[in-house]
Amino acid sequence: MKILLSGGGTGGHIYPALALVRRIKEQYPHAEFLYIGTDRGLESKIVPKAGVPFQSVEIQGLRRSLSLDNLKTLFLMATSISKSKKIIKEFQPDVVVGTGGYVCAPVLYAASRLGIPSIIHEQNSVAGVTNKFLARYVDKICLCFEDARNDFQKYADKVIYTGNPRAQEVVSITEKTSLSNYQLKEDLPTVLIFGGSRGAEKINQSLVDAASSFAGKPYQALLITGDIHYEKIKKQIEALVPAVTNVKVVPYVEQMPALFNSIDLVACRSGATTLTELTALGIPSILIPSPYVTNNHQLKNAQSLSKNSAAEIIEEVDLNEKSLFSLIDSLLTNPEKRNDMAEKAKELGVPDAADRLMDVVRSIMK
């Protein structure tokens, strides 16, 4: 079994692919893999570190406005299709899987021209431009959110709801992180706040501004700031001691699923992979969608949970110390509400998502 994967730009496109690789290796130890990305994307670091062979093509996204850069994009598309065909012919995969990002366009298009079975995996509730373009050329379209089905109505016979492979991987992680590692108490309700791997300035500052309100409360908070924000936020929080001792900050957490297993509530962005993890584990959440993403897809992702009573939403325009603290306080002091949200979240999870996607891979292999 030889599988070629492509996806990049953000971790949300890369980690599902690697979760699929690990699950297939468990079932088929002799399976071979090759990953095509770009040298500039996170995949160029993450994929080789995971032990998966990596090759690159040069490609960039189209600008939405008239721009000479779009002429360069078209040129790069042509040259990267040619290079992708060469790589595919050399590797001779049984199937090609694209997990999102513009790098998938030349790779999966090349696969279709060469008659190699192919799959696109759409993580968000709103389909990306690349996946919409590729829909006519691929054999199967796999979804993580049922809402995305609306974007592929012309190709309904290709669409399969599989969920995100990361869900199955996260569910298998049973260890817990000790909250004492962060100078927090093990027996208090805890909210984890973060804005993605690099942090989000407005989320960070809203929590800092609200920190004084945590003083004396029967719960605690851990804020993951992101490396570039850490020193500034740390100094602001330390300035509140000894009045506030139940709010702690860290720059980054390596093992998020283990930490998720130790907390009671999450306040965070609504990227697809994060929501996959929250629903797989059944964690109630306050979602703060990033307004800086294509087609406002993080808001649509968040609404997929909120309409099922699995999450609350604060849009960034409404985010401040009062709105954030008020919602945290109302949920951390109401275990019944949190338990109900947790159950609703878990109902949306797909704990066998990797197996579902693997079944689709097997079904179309040449």
Foldseek 3Di string as FASTA:
>chain_A
DEEEEEEFQDVQLVVLVVLLVVVVCVVPVPYAYEYEYACPTPCVPVVVVSVHHYDYADADDDDPDDDPVNVVRVVSLVVRLVVLLVVCVVRVGLEYEYRYDQSVQSNQVSCLVVVRAYEYEALFLDRDPSCLVCLVRHQAYEYQFPNNCVSNVVNNVRYDYQHGSVLQVLLPDDAADQCVVQVADQPAAEEEEAEPQQGDVLSLQQCLVQQLVCFPPRHAYEYQHHVVCPVVSQVSVVVCPPRGDRYTYDPGDDDVSNHQNRHAEYEYAQDRSVLQNCLSQLHEYEYEHDPPDPPSRSVVSVCSLVVLLLYHYDYPVRRHNVVVVVVVVVPSVDVVSSNVSSVSSNVSHNNCSSVSVVVVSVVSGD
